[in-house]
Amino acid sequence: MPTRPSAGWYNAPLTILAGFFMRFTIRDVLWLTALIGLALGWFVDHRIVTAEAKLWTNRAVDAEMAMKSDGWIVDWRDADRGPYFVYPNGRTWAPYGR
């Protein structure tokens, strides 16, 4: 296949271009493997952490509903410090010393 004189790779025959674009060194393959491994590790860890957070959120909601059904008042206004409880008889209790 004759080609005309060119100033770049875009006029080269297809067989030469295929060899040019498909050359990978061991270093390239190792970098790609490390990158995929890191991304996969982050993805798995993220799924585990969000599943645990959802589990604890569900448990907190269940505990709150059980306490409310027994006559307690549960207040989450300052959620960073934890809930604020009011006993059925009117006394208050904050587990983290408000």
C-alpha atoms as a PDB file:
ATOM      1  CA  MET A   1       0.000   0.000   0.000  1.00  0.00           C
ATOM      2  CA  PRO A   2       1.767   3.132  -1.094  1.00  0.00           C
ATOM      3  CA  THR A   3       1.538   6.152   1.102  1.00  0.00           C
ATOM      4  CA  ARG A   4       2.282   9.712   0.287  1.00  0.00           C
ATOM      5  CA  PRO A   5       4.946  11.554   2.219  1.00  0.00           C
ATOM      6  CA  SER A   6       3.547  12.779   5.469  1.00  0.00           C
ATOM      7  CA  ALA A   7       4.365  15.034   8.309  1.00  0.00           C
ATOM      8  CA  GLY A   8       2.725  12.843  10.961  1.00  0.00           C
ATOM      9  CA  TRP A   9       1.431   9.441  11.962  1.00  0.00           C
ATOM     10  CA  TYR A  10      -2.076  10.069  10.560  1.00  0.00           C
ATOM     11  CA  ASN A  11      -1.002   9.110   7.026  1.00  0.00           C
ATOM     12  CA  ALA A  12       0.653   5.821   8.007  1.00  0.00           C
ATOM     13  CA  PRO A  13      -0.842   2.421   7.040  1.00  0.00           C
ATOM     14  CA  LEU A  14      -3.248   0.812   9.490  1.00  0.00           C
ATOM     15  CA  THR A  15      -0.874  -2.020  10.462  1.00  0.00           C
ATOM     16  CA  ILE A  16       1.752   0.460  11.581  1.00  0.00           C
ATOM     17  CA  LEU A  17      -0.794   2.484  13.544  1.00  0.00           C
ATOM     18  CA  ALA A  18      -2.142  -0.605  15.315  1.00  0.00           C
ATOM     19  CA  GLY A  19       1.338  -1.477  16.497  1.00  0.00           C
ATOM     20  CA  PHE A  20       1.953   2.090  17.591  1.00  0.00           C
ATOM     21  CA  PHE A  21      -1.191   2.424  19.698  1.00  0.00           C
ATOM     22  CA  MET A  22      -1.178  -1.049  21.246  1.00  0.00           C
ATOM     23  CA  ARG A  23       2.290  -1.027  22.784  1.00  0.00           C
ATOM     24  CA  PHE A  24       2.248  -1.257  26.560  1.00  0.00           C
ATOM     25  CA  THR A  25       5.196  -1.692  28.856  1.00  0.00           C
ATOM     26  CA  ILE A  26       5.130  -3.713  32.052  1.00  0.00           C
ATOM     27  CA  ARG A  27       5.203  -0.399  33.914  1.00  0.00           C
ATOM     28  CA  ASP A  28       1.999   0.705  32.174  1.00  0.00           C
ATOM     29  CA  VAL A  29       0.246  -2.538  33.070  1.00  0.00           C
ATOM     30  CA  LEU A  30       1.407  -2.325  36.698  1.00  0.00           C
ATOM     31  CA  TRP A  31       0.193   1.291  37.002  1.00  0.00           C
ATOM     32  CA  LEU A  32      -3.182   0.307  35.556  1.00  0.00           C
ATOM     33  CA  THR A  33      -3.417  -2.661  37.925  1.00  0.00           C
ATOM     34  CA  ALA A  34      -2.589  -0.457  40.921  1.00  0.00           C
ATOM     35  CA  LEU A  35      -5.130   2.148  39.849  1.00  0.00           C
ATOM     36  CA  ILE A  36      -7.889  -0.424  39.393  1.00  0.00           C
ATOM     37  CA  GLY A  37      -6.986  -2.029  42.728  1.00  0.00           C
ATOM     38  CA  LEU A  38      -7.185   1.289  44.565  1.00  0.00           C
ATOM     39  CA  ALA A  39     -10.503   2.184  42.946  1.00  0.00           C
ATOM     40  CA  LEU A  40     -11.971  -1.226  43.726  1.00  0.00           C
ATOM     41  CA  GLY A  41     -10.709  -1.087  47.326  1.00  0.00           C
ATOM     42  CA  TRP A  42     -12.243   2.364  47.819  1.00  0.00           C
ATOM     43  CA  PHE A  43     -15.540   1.200  46.338  1.00  0.00           C
ATOM     44  CA  VAL A  44     -15.757  -1.869  48.605  1.00  0.00           C
ATOM     45  CA  ASP A  45     -14.798   0.140  51.702  1.00  0.00           C
ATOM     46  CA  HIS A  46     -17.355   2.832  50.857  1.00  0.00           C
ATOM     47  CA  ARG A  47     -20.103   0.226  50.495  1.00  0.00           C
ATOM     48  CA  ILE A  48     -19.222  -1.340  53.876  1.00  0.00           C
ATOM     49  CA  VAL A  49     -19.129   2.020  55.688  1.00  0.00           C
ATOM     50  CA  THR A  50     -22.444   3.186  54.250  1.00  0.00           C
ATOM     51  CA  ALA A  51     -24.060  -0.159  55.072  1.00  0.00           C
ATOM     52  CA  GLU A  52     -22.877   0.108  58.700  1.00  0.00           C
ATOM     53  CA  ALA A  53     -24.108   3.696  58.950  1.00  0.00           C
ATOM     54  CA  LYS A  54     -27.505   2.675  57.594  1.00  0.00           C
ATOM     55  CA  LEU A  55     -27.666  -0.216  60.079  1.00  0.00           C
ATOM     56  CA  TRP A  56     -26.943   2.065  63.055  1.00  0.00           C
ATOM     57  CA  THR A  57     -29.390   4.678  61.797  1.00  0.00           C
ATOM     58  CA  ASN A  58     -32.101   2.031  61.579  1.00  0.00           C
ATOM     59  CA  ARG A  59     -31.288   0.846  65.108  1.00  0.00           C
ATOM     60  CA  ALA A  60     -31.471   4.413  66.452  1.00  0.00           C
ATOM     61  CA  VAL A  61     -34.845   4.944  64.779  1.00  0.00           C
ATOM     62  CA  ASP A  62     -36.138   1.649  66.193  1.00  0.00           C
ATOM     63  CA  ALA A  63     -34.960   2.578  69.702  1.00  0.00           C
ATOM     64  CA  GLU A  64     -36.521   6.034  69.398  1.00  0.00           C
ATOM     65  CA  MET A  65     -39.854   4.563  68.286  1.00  0.00           C
ATOM     66  CA  ALA A  66     -39.806   2.064  71.167  1.00  0.00           C
ATOM     67  CA  MET A  67     -39.098   4.832  73.691  1.00  0.00           C
ATOM     68  CA  LYS A  68     -41.821   7.072  72.240  1.00  0.00           C
ATOM     69  CA  SER A  69     -44.325   4.216  72.475  1.00  0.00           C
ATOM     70  CA  ASP A  70     -43.494   3.948  76.219  1.00  0.00           C
ATOM     71  CA  GLY A  71     -44.204   7.661  76.759  1.00  0.00           C
ATOM     72  CA  TRP A  72     -40.694   9.107  76.491  1.00  0.00           C
ATOM     73  CA  ILE A  73     -39.927  12.300  74.598  1.00  0.00           C
ATOM     74  CA  VAL A  74     -36.808  12.070  72.431  1.00  0.00           C
ATOM     75  CA  ASP A  75     -35.327  15.335  71.178  1.00  0.00           C
ATOM     76  CA  TRP A  76     -32.599  15.400  68.493  1.00  0.00           C
ATOM     77  CA  ARG A  77     -32.110  19.193  68.240  1.00  0.00           C
ATOM     78  CA  ASP A  78     -28.371  18.968  68.922  1.00  0.00           C
ATOM     79  CA  ALA A  79     -27.652  15.771  67.001  1.00  0.00           C
ATOM     80  CA  ASP A  80     -23.863  16.211  67.253  1.00  0.00           C
ATOM     81  CA  ARG A  81     -23.994  15.703  71.021  1.00  0.00           C
ATOM     82  CA  GLY A  82     -26.648  12.983  70.991  1.00  0.00           C
ATOM     83  CA  PRO A  83     -30.309  12.794  71.896  1.00  0.00           C
ATOM     84  CA  TYR A  84     -32.030  14.475  74.821  1.00  0.00           C
ATOM     85  CA  PHE A  85     -34.563  12.312  76.664  1.00  0.00           C
ATOM     86  CA  VAL A  86     -37.545  13.303  78.804  1.00  0.00           C
ATOM     87  CA  TYR A  87     -38.882  10.594  81.126  1.00  0.00           C
ATOM     88  CA  PRO A  88     -42.614   9.933  81.122  1.00  0.00           C
ATOM     89  CA  ASN A  89     -42.826  11.552  84.577  1.00  0.00           C
ATOM     90  CA  GLY A  90     -41.273  14.826  83.321  1.00  0.00           C
ATOM     91  CA  ARG A  91     -37.652  14.451  84.471  1.00  0.00           C
ATOM     92  CA  THR A  92     -34.951  14.897  81.855  1.00  0.00           C
ATOM     93  CA  TRP A  93     -31.842  12.912  81.089  1.00  0.00           C
ATOM     94  CA  ALA A  94     -29.048  13.634  78.614  1.00  0.00           C
ATOM     95  CA  PRO A  95     -26.507  10.821  78.214  1.00  0.00           C
ATOM     96  CA  TYR A  96     -23.687  13.210  77.336  1.00  0.00           C
ATOM     97  CA  GLY A  97     -24.183  15.740  80.121  1.00  0.00           C
ATOM     98  CA  ARG A  98     -25.862  18.718  78.477  1.00  0.00           C
END
